[in-house]
N, C-alpha and C. Protein backbone atom coordinates (compact mmCIF):
# COMPACT_ATOMS: atom_id res chain seq x y z
N MET A 1 17.83 65.81 93.74
CA MET A 1 19.34 66.24 93.13
C MET A 1 20.41 65.60 93.86
N GLU A 2 20.81 64.60 93.11
CA GLU A 2 22.22 64.07 93.44
C GLU A 2 23.13 64.45 92.32
N GLN A 3 24.02 64.80 92.90
CA GLN A 3 25.42 65.43 92.54
C GLN A 3 27.22 64.89 92.97
N ILE A 4 27.80 64.45 91.90
CA ILE A 4 28.49 64.20 92.81
C ILE A 4 29.69 65.19 92.71
N ALA A 5 30.61 65.88 93.83
CA ALA A 5 31.15 66.77 94.21
C ALA A 5 32.63 66.35 94.62
N ARG A 6 33.56 66.75 93.96
CA ARG A 6 34.80 66.21 94.18
C ARG A 6 35.94 67.21 94.71
N THR A 7 35.57 68.53 94.11
CA THR A 7 36.27 69.40 94.36
C THR A 7 35.85 70.56 95.13
N SER A 8 36.24 71.57 95.50
CA SER A 8 35.71 72.67 96.31
C SER A 8 35.04 73.76 95.17
N MET A 9 35.24 73.47 93.94
CA MET A 9 34.41 74.30 93.38
C MET A 9 33.27 73.64 92.62
N GLN A 10 33.27 72.24 92.43
CA GLN A 10 32.28 71.46 92.35
C GLN A 10 31.35 71.78 93.30
N ILE A 11 31.61 71.62 94.57
CA ILE A 11 30.65 71.73 95.71
C ILE A 11 30.04 73.04 95.63
N GLY A 12 30.95 74.13 95.42
CA GLY A 12 30.62 75.64 95.42
C GLY A 12 29.44 76.08 94.27
N ALA A 13 29.61 75.34 92.85
CA ALA A 13 28.73 75.34 92.14
C ALA A 13 27.34 74.70 92.44
N ALA A 14 27.52 73.47 93.14
CA ALA A 14 26.10 72.63 93.37
C ALA A 14 25.22 73.46 94.38
N LEU A 15 26.09 74.21 95.42
CA LEU A 15 25.21 74.78 96.33
C LEU A 15 24.68 76.26 95.69
N ARG A 16 25.72 76.53 94.89
CA ARG A 16 25.09 77.72 93.85
C ARG A 16 23.77 77.62 93.29
N ARG A 17 23.48 76.26 92.55
CA ARG A 17 22.29 75.66 91.61
C ARG A 17 21.25 75.72 92.69
N ARG A 18 21.41 75.04 94.13
CA ARG A 18 20.55 74.75 94.99
C ARG A 18 20.02 76.27 95.59
N ARG A 19 20.76 76.98 95.92
CA ARG A 19 20.56 78.42 96.44
C ARG A 19 19.62 79.37 95.31
N ARG A 20 19.93 79.25 94.09
CA ARG A 20 19.27 79.71 93.22
C ARG A 20 17.95 79.09 92.45
N SER A 21 17.96 77.93 92.89
CA SER A 21 16.95 76.98 92.56
C SER A 21 15.79 76.96 93.63
N ALA A 22 16.23 77.41 94.80
CA ALA A 22 15.29 77.94 96.22
C ALA A 22 15.22 79.32 96.08
N GLY A 23 15.46 80.11 95.01
CA GLY A 23 14.98 81.49 95.17
C GLY A 23 15.60 82.13 96.01
N LEU A 24 16.83 81.99 96.27
CA LEU A 24 17.67 82.82 97.33
C LEU A 24 18.77 83.58 96.74
N SER A 25 18.78 84.87 97.36
CA SER A 25 19.56 85.63 97.08
C SER A 25 21.31 85.47 98.28
N GLN A 26 22.07 85.79 97.74
CA GLN A 26 23.33 85.23 98.96
C GLN A 26 23.07 86.25 99.85
N ASP A 27 22.16 87.35 99.92
CA ASP A 27 21.66 88.19 100.92
C ASP A 27 20.76 87.53 102.00
N ALA A 28 19.90 86.91 101.20
CA ALA A 28 18.99 86.24 101.97
C ALA A 28 19.62 84.77 102.64
N LEU A 29 20.15 84.08 102.09
CA LEU A 29 21.00 83.04 102.71
C LEU A 29 21.86 83.17 103.62
N ALA A 30 22.64 84.06 103.61
CA ALA A 30 23.37 84.98 104.77
C ALA A 30 22.77 85.09 105.80
N ALA A 31 21.39 85.76 105.76
CA ALA A 31 20.25 86.04 106.73
C ALA A 31 20.24 84.56 107.33
N LYS A 32 19.61 83.82 106.91
CA LYS A 32 19.13 82.79 107.37
C LYS A 32 20.26 81.72 108.08
N THR A 33 21.44 81.86 107.34
CA THR A 33 22.52 81.25 108.10
C THR A 33 23.52 81.51 108.94
N LYS A 34 23.15 83.34 109.23
CA LYS A 34 24.40 84.21 109.93
C LYS A 34 25.72 83.94 109.79
N LEU A 35 25.58 83.87 108.54
CA LEU A 35 27.22 83.84 107.74
C LEU A 35 27.18 85.22 106.90
N ARG A 36 28.22 85.81 106.68
CA ARG A 36 28.47 87.07 105.90
C ARG A 36 28.32 86.37 104.33
N GLN A 37 27.68 87.27 103.44
CA GLN A 37 27.43 87.26 102.30
C GLN A 37 28.77 86.88 101.63
N ALA A 38 30.18 87.88 101.67
CA ALA A 38 31.38 87.51 101.38
C ALA A 38 31.58 85.92 101.83
N THR A 39 31.40 85.51 102.82
CA THR A 39 31.53 83.98 102.87
C THR A 39 31.03 83.19 102.11
N LEU A 40 29.68 83.20 102.11
CA LEU A 40 28.86 82.51 101.41
C LEU A 40 29.46 82.86 99.48
N SER A 41 29.78 83.85 98.83
CA SER A 41 30.32 84.01 97.67
C SER A 41 31.32 83.21 97.30
N ALA A 42 32.48 83.12 99.00
CA ALA A 42 33.93 82.70 98.82
C ALA A 42 33.31 80.97 98.33
N LEU A 43 32.46 80.77 99.32
CA LEU A 43 32.35 78.89 99.39
C LEU A 43 31.44 78.56 97.66
N GLU A 44 30.61 79.76 97.12
CA GLU A 44 30.07 79.21 96.13
C GLU A 44 31.32 78.90 94.60
N LYS A 45 32.12 80.08 95.39
CA LYS A 45 33.70 80.20 93.86
C LYS A 45 34.29 79.20 94.39
N GLY A 46 34.21 78.29 95.09
CA GLY A 46 35.03 77.01 95.38
C GLY A 46 36.35 77.56 96.38
N VAL A 47 36.33 78.76 96.83
CA VAL A 47 37.56 78.50 97.59
C VAL A 47 37.88 77.81 98.54
N ALA A 48 39.19 77.21 98.63
CA ALA A 48 39.48 76.25 99.41
C ALA A 48 39.74 76.53 100.96
N ASP A 49 39.57 77.50 101.11
CA ASP A 49 39.99 77.65 103.07
C ASP A 49 38.64 78.36 103.86
N ASN A 50 37.55 77.62 103.62
CA ASN A 50 36.36 77.61 104.22
C ASN A 50 36.12 76.68 105.18
N ARG A 51 35.94 77.00 106.14
CA ARG A 51 35.53 75.90 107.25
C ARG A 51 34.57 74.68 106.92
N LEU A 52 34.81 73.26 107.49
CA LEU A 52 33.67 72.60 107.17
C LEU A 52 32.24 72.81 107.97
N GLN A 53 32.37 73.73 109.10
CA GLN A 53 31.19 73.83 109.65
C GLN A 53 30.46 74.63 108.87
N THR A 54 30.75 75.92 107.95
CA THR A 54 30.83 76.59 107.18
C THR A 54 29.75 75.97 106.35
N LEU A 55 30.38 74.82 105.41
CA LEU A 55 29.95 73.96 104.54
C LEU A 55 28.46 73.56 105.01
N ILE A 56 28.76 73.30 106.18
CA ILE A 56 27.64 72.32 107.22
C ILE A 56 26.57 73.25 107.31
N GLN A 57 26.49 74.50 107.81
CA GLN A 57 25.75 75.33 108.18
C GLN A 57 25.11 75.87 106.65
N VAL A 58 25.63 75.68 105.77
CA VAL A 58 25.14 76.34 104.35
C VAL A 58 24.07 75.25 103.94
N MET A 59 24.66 74.29 103.70
CA MET A 59 24.03 72.49 103.33
C MET A 59 22.56 72.58 104.12
N ALA A 60 22.59 72.85 105.40
CA ALA A 60 21.55 72.63 106.59
C ALA A 60 20.32 73.85 105.91
N ALA A 61 20.64 74.79 106.09
CA ALA A 61 19.93 76.20 105.08
C ALA A 61 19.39 75.55 103.94
N LEU A 62 20.01 75.08 103.05
CA LEU A 62 19.54 74.61 101.83
C LEU A 62 18.79 73.39 101.92
N GLY A 63 18.64 72.69 102.82
CA GLY A 63 18.12 71.65 103.03
C GLY A 63 18.81 70.19 102.33
N LEU A 64 20.33 70.49 102.55
CA LEU A 64 21.13 69.36 101.86
C LEU A 64 21.52 68.58 102.92
N GLU A 65 22.25 67.36 102.34
CA GLU A 65 23.08 66.67 103.24
C GLU A 65 24.50 66.32 102.28
N MET A 66 24.89 65.71 103.07
CA MET A 66 26.50 64.98 102.43
C MET A 66 26.39 63.41 102.54
N VAL A 67 26.98 62.87 101.75
CA VAL A 67 26.93 61.76 101.49
C VAL A 67 28.05 60.85 101.61
N ILE A 68 29.01 59.92 102.14
CA ILE A 68 29.97 59.70 102.17
C ILE A 68 30.07 58.29 101.54
N ARG A 69 30.76 57.89 100.37
CA ARG A 69 30.62 56.69 99.77
C ARG A 69 31.77 56.37 98.96
N GLU A 70 31.83 55.08 98.68
CA GLU A 70 33.43 55.12 98.07
C GLU A 70 32.99 55.50 96.28
N ARG A 71 34.55 56.08 96.11
CA ARG A 71 34.21 56.74 94.71
C ARG A 71 33.46 55.81 93.67
N THR A 72 33.39 56.54 92.31
CA THR A 72 32.61 55.74 91.32
C THR A 72 33.79 55.28 90.47
N MET A 73 35.10 55.87 90.54
CA MET A 73 36.00 55.92 89.88
C MET A 73 36.89 55.44 90.69
N ALA A 74 38.38 54.49 90.20
CA ALA A 74 39.41 54.52 91.02
C ALA A 74 40.37 54.59 90.17
N ALA A 75 41.80 55.11 90.44
CA ALA A 75 42.71 55.42 90.01
C ALA A 75 43.93 55.39 90.64
N ASP A 76 44.94 55.31 90.25
CA ASP A 76 46.26 55.13 91.04
C ASP A 76 46.94 56.57 91.53
N ASN A 77 46.61 57.26 90.66
CA ASN A 77 47.33 59.17 90.71
C ASN A 77 45.89 59.43 91.14
N ILE A 78 45.91 60.29 92.05
CA ILE A 78 44.38 61.16 92.32
C ILE A 78 43.55 62.27 90.97
N GLU A 79 44.92 62.87 90.45
CA GLU A 79 44.68 63.57 89.27
C GLU A 79 43.67 63.14 88.26
N ASP A 80 43.97 62.03 87.98
CA ASP A 80 43.51 61.14 86.87
C ASP A 80 42.04 60.87 87.08
N VAL A 81 41.55 61.07 88.16
CA VAL A 81 39.75 60.89 88.56
C VAL A 81 39.36 62.17 88.08
N PHE A 82 39.92 63.19 87.86
CA PHE A 82 39.30 64.59 87.96
C PHE A 82 39.50 64.53 86.24
């Protein structure tokens, strides 16, 4: 399952899809990551004020990793990419 995510909302949606496909509720994932359910909810909604470590914990619990690579599309203005 490879997805390109360039915004916090896209990252949150990808995490939600993976959690659901794993058959986990937010409460079950919260227990697995030792994070609050509300924190996971905010992360899945794309709330931008989450810490990077929170994202890493959730990704690890869902068996995901982050890949850093050059963008597939270049633009002079970053807003044109989205």
